[in-house]
């Protein structure tokens, strides 16, 4: 009987602590991305942001999918992080100073200039 109580208690603890932080998924419009370097910049940049567990940029649709912990970060902060990388995120414009430092291929119309 004691062994059964230990097993039952362990299962309860696993359920309580294992289900605490569910990741939310969001799609963010990133219309100013131009190339694979943009994709890499955003994915690598977001990988360093606390609370973001994964990100994937789709160049064809210009949409960035982000998985995040709502207890640590919110959508506005994610958009700001993308803006601070030099890219537009939904309606939040790119940080102009950072945008100016991007390679030509990462700027709107830049691929035609190469």
C-alpha atoms as a PDB file:
ATOM      1  CA  UNK A   1       0.000   0.000   0.000  1.00  0.00           C
ATOM      2  CA  UNK A   2       2.870   2.391   0.827  1.00  0.00           C
ATOM      3  CA  UNK A   3       4.431   1.745  -2.589  1.00  0.00           C
ATOM      4  CA  UNK A   4       1.115   2.584  -4.268  1.00  0.00           C
ATOM      5  CA  UNK A   5       0.921   5.892  -2.339  1.00  0.00           C
ATOM      6  CA  UNK A   6       4.456   6.832  -3.439  1.00  0.00           C
ATOM      7  CA  UNK A   7       3.640   6.093  -7.085  1.00  0.00           C
ATOM      8  CA  UNK A   8       0.370   8.033  -6.875  1.00  0.00           C
ATOM      9  CA  UNK A   9       2.082  11.017  -5.209  1.00  0.00           C
ATOM     10  CA  UNK A  10       4.816  11.031  -7.848  1.00  0.00           C
ATOM     11  CA  UNK A  11       2.245  11.035 -10.655  1.00  0.00           C
ATOM     12  CA  UNK A  12       0.378  13.937  -9.072  1.00  0.00           C
ATOM     13  CA  UNK A  13       3.607  15.963  -8.781  1.00  0.00           C
ATOM     14  CA  UNK A  14       4.504  15.265 -12.410  1.00  0.00           C
ATOM     15  CA  UNK A  15       1.099  16.443 -13.592  1.00  0.00           C
ATOM     16  CA  UNK A  16       1.142  19.585 -11.447  1.00  0.00           C
ATOM     17  CA  UNK A  17       4.672  20.679 -12.331  1.00  0.00           C
ATOM     18  CA  UNK A  18       4.794  19.309 -15.876  1.00  0.00           C
ATOM     19  CA  UNK A  19       1.825  21.291 -17.170  1.00  0.00           C
ATOM     20  CA  UNK A  20       2.760  24.691 -15.812  1.00  0.00           C
ATOM     21  CA  UNK A  21       4.229  26.550 -18.778  1.00  0.00           C
ATOM     22  CA  UNK A  22       2.490  25.969 -22.069  1.00  0.00           C
ATOM     23  CA  UNK A  23       4.039  27.660 -25.095  1.00  0.00           C
ATOM     24  CA  UNK A  24       1.886  30.031 -27.104  1.00  0.00           C
ATOM     25  CA  UNK A  25       2.290  30.265 -30.856  1.00  0.00           C
ATOM     26  CA  UNK A  26       1.898  33.458 -32.864  1.00  0.00           C
ATOM     27  CA  UNK A  27       2.349  34.457 -36.505  1.00  0.00           C
ATOM     28  CA  UNK A  28       3.980  37.839 -37.053  1.00  0.00           C
ATOM     29  CA  UNK A  29       3.968  39.625 -40.378  1.00  0.00           C
ATOM     30  CA  UNK A  30       7.556  40.527 -41.300  1.00  0.00           C
ATOM     31  CA  UNK A  31       7.010  42.216 -44.673  1.00  0.00           C
ATOM     32  CA  UNK A  32      10.457  43.791 -45.000  1.00  0.00           C
ATOM     33  CA  UNK A  33      12.432  40.530 -45.055  1.00  0.00           C
ATOM     34  CA  UNK A  34      14.182  39.998 -48.365  1.00  0.00           C
ATOM     35  CA  UNK A  35      16.573  37.052 -48.253  1.00  0.00           C
ATOM     36  CA  UNK A  36      18.030  34.113 -46.389  1.00  0.00           C
ATOM     37  CA  UNK A  37      20.244  36.453 -44.381  1.00  0.00           C
ATOM     38  CA  UNK A  38      17.136  38.239 -43.092  1.00  0.00           C
ATOM     39  CA  UNK A  39      15.707  34.864 -42.142  1.00  0.00           C
ATOM     40  CA  UNK A  40      18.877  33.917 -40.277  1.00  0.00           C
ATOM     41  CA  UNK A  41      19.137  37.318 -38.557  1.00  0.00           C
ATOM     42  CA  UNK A  42      15.616  37.073 -37.169  1.00  0.00           C
ATOM     43  CA  UNK A  43      15.803  33.410 -36.143  1.00  0.00           C
ATOM     44  CA  UNK A  44      19.203  33.830 -34.486  1.00  0.00           C
ATOM     45  CA  UNK A  45      18.211  37.126 -32.879  1.00  0.00           C
ATOM     46  CA  UNK A  46      15.006  35.716 -31.421  1.00  0.00           C
ATOM     47  CA  UNK A  47      16.838  32.639 -30.124  1.00  0.00           C
ATOM     48  CA  UNK A  48      18.617  34.986 -27.698  1.00  0.00           C
ATOM     49  CA  UNK A  49      15.406  36.511 -26.323  1.00  0.00           C
ATOM     50  CA  UNK A  50      14.290  35.179 -22.948  1.00  0.00           C
ATOM     51  CA  UNK A  51      10.849  33.578 -23.127  1.00  0.00           C
ATOM     52  CA  UNK A  52      11.020  32.647 -26.805  1.00  0.00           C
ATOM     53  CA  UNK A  53      11.400  28.915 -27.300  1.00  0.00           C
ATOM     54  CA  UNK A  54      11.397  28.762 -31.120  1.00  0.00           C
ATOM     55  CA  UNK A  55      11.011  30.862 -34.242  1.00  0.00           C
ATOM     56  CA  UNK A  56      10.770  30.095 -37.940  1.00  0.00           C
ATOM     57  CA  UNK A  57      10.770  32.655 -40.734  1.00  0.00           C
ATOM     58  CA  UNK A  58       8.947  31.771 -43.965  1.00  0.00           C
ATOM     59  CA  UNK A  59      10.479  33.831 -46.774  1.00  0.00           C
ATOM     60  CA  UNK A  60       7.711  32.999 -49.248  1.00  0.00           C
ATOM     61  CA  UNK A  61       4.902  34.313 -47.040  1.00  0.00           C
ATOM     62  CA  UNK A  62       7.042  36.820 -45.084  1.00  0.00           C
ATOM     63  CA  UNK A  63       5.608  35.479 -41.840  1.00  0.00           C
ATOM     64  CA  UNK A  64       7.578  34.644 -38.713  1.00  0.00           C
ATOM     65  CA  UNK A  65       6.135  31.958 -36.445  1.00  0.00           C
ATOM     66  CA  UNK A  66       7.154  32.299 -32.799  1.00  0.00           C
ATOM     67  CA  UNK A  67       6.598  29.989 -29.830  1.00  0.00           C
ATOM     68  CA  UNK A  68       6.877  31.758 -26.495  1.00  0.00           C
ATOM     69  CA  UNK A  69       6.101  31.621 -22.782  1.00  0.00           C
ATOM     70  CA  UNK A  70       3.435  34.209 -21.950  1.00  0.00           C
ATOM     71  CA  UNK A  71       4.704  34.414 -18.378  1.00  0.00           C
ATOM     72  CA  UNK A  72       8.073  35.733 -19.611  1.00  0.00           C
ATOM     73  CA  UNK A  73       7.296  37.768 -22.742  1.00  0.00           C
ATOM     74  CA  UNK A  74       4.364  39.173 -24.691  1.00  0.00           C
ATOM     75  CA  UNK A  75       3.611  39.927 -28.334  1.00  0.00           C
ATOM     76  CA  UNK A  76       4.577  43.599 -28.074  1.00  0.00           C
ATOM     77  CA  UNK A  77       8.032  42.684 -26.729  1.00  0.00           C
ATOM     78  CA  UNK A  78       8.488  40.105 -29.491  1.00  0.00           C
ATOM     79  CA  UNK A  79       7.580  42.709 -32.100  1.00  0.00           C
ATOM     80  CA  UNK A  80      10.045  45.130 -30.459  1.00  0.00           C
ATOM     81  CA  UNK A  81      12.783  42.472 -30.557  1.00  0.00           C
ATOM     82  CA  UNK A  82      12.221  41.995 -34.305  1.00  0.00           C
ATOM     83  CA  UNK A  83      12.164  45.775 -34.823  1.00  0.00           C
ATOM     84  CA  UNK A  84      15.451  46.046 -32.920  1.00  0.00           C
ATOM     85  CA  UNK A  85      16.929  43.547 -35.415  1.00  0.00           C
ATOM     86  CA  UNK A  86      16.090  45.997 -38.228  1.00  0.00           C
ATOM     87  CA  UNK A  87      12.843  44.484 -39.537  1.00  0.00           C
ATOM     88  CA  UNK A  88       9.189  45.473 -39.462  1.00  0.00           C
ATOM     89  CA  UNK A  89       7.014  43.294 -37.212  1.00  0.00           C
ATOM     90  CA  UNK A  90       3.284  43.584 -37.852  1.00  0.00           C
ATOM     91  CA  UNK A  91       2.660  47.346 -37.641  1.00  0.00           C
ATOM     92  CA  UNK A  92       5.807  48.099 -35.611  1.00  0.00           C
ATOM     93  CA  UNK A  93       8.326  49.660 -37.960  1.00  0.00           C
ATOM     94  CA  UNK A  94      11.943  48.556 -38.044  1.00  0.00           C
ATOM     95  CA  UNK A  95      14.408  50.383 -35.843  1.00  0.00           C
ATOM     96  CA  UNK A  96      15.726  52.855 -38.433  1.00  0.00           C
ATOM     97  CA  UNK A  97      19.274  53.009 -37.045  1.00  0.00           C
ATOM     98  CA  UNK A  98      19.615  49.220 -37.146  1.00  0.00           C
ATOM     99  CA  UNK A  99      17.916  48.977 -40.553  1.00  0.00           C
ATOM    100  CA  UNK A 100      20.535  51.336 -42.004  1.00  0.00           C
ATOM    101  CA  UNK A 101      23.321  48.968 -40.910  1.00  0.00           C
ATOM    102  CA  UNK A 102      21.794  45.916 -42.652  1.00  0.00           C
ATOM    103  CA  UNK A 103      23.509  44.636 -45.799  1.00  0.00           C
ATOM    104  CA  UNK A 104      21.993  45.867 -49.084  1.00  0.00           C
ATOM    105  CA  UNK A 105      20.375  42.489 -49.733  1.00  0.00           C
ATOM    106  CA  UNK A 106      18.353  42.851 -46.511  1.00  0.00           C
ATOM    107  CA  UNK A 107      16.897  46.230 -47.405  1.00  0.00           C
ATOM    108  CA  UNK A 108      13.650  46.685 -49.299  1.00  0.00           C
ATOM    109  CA  UNK A 109      14.575  46.808 -52.980  1.00  0.00           C
ATOM    110  CA  UNK A 110      18.164  45.901 -52.115  1.00  0.00           C
ATOM    111  CA  UNK A 111      18.176  42.656 -54.085  1.00  0.00           C
ATOM    112  CA  UNK A 112      17.678  44.639 -57.323  1.00  0.00           C
ATOM    113  CA  UNK A 113      20.753  46.750 -56.579  1.00  0.00           C
ATOM    114  CA  UNK A 114      23.108  43.782 -56.304  1.00  0.00           C
END
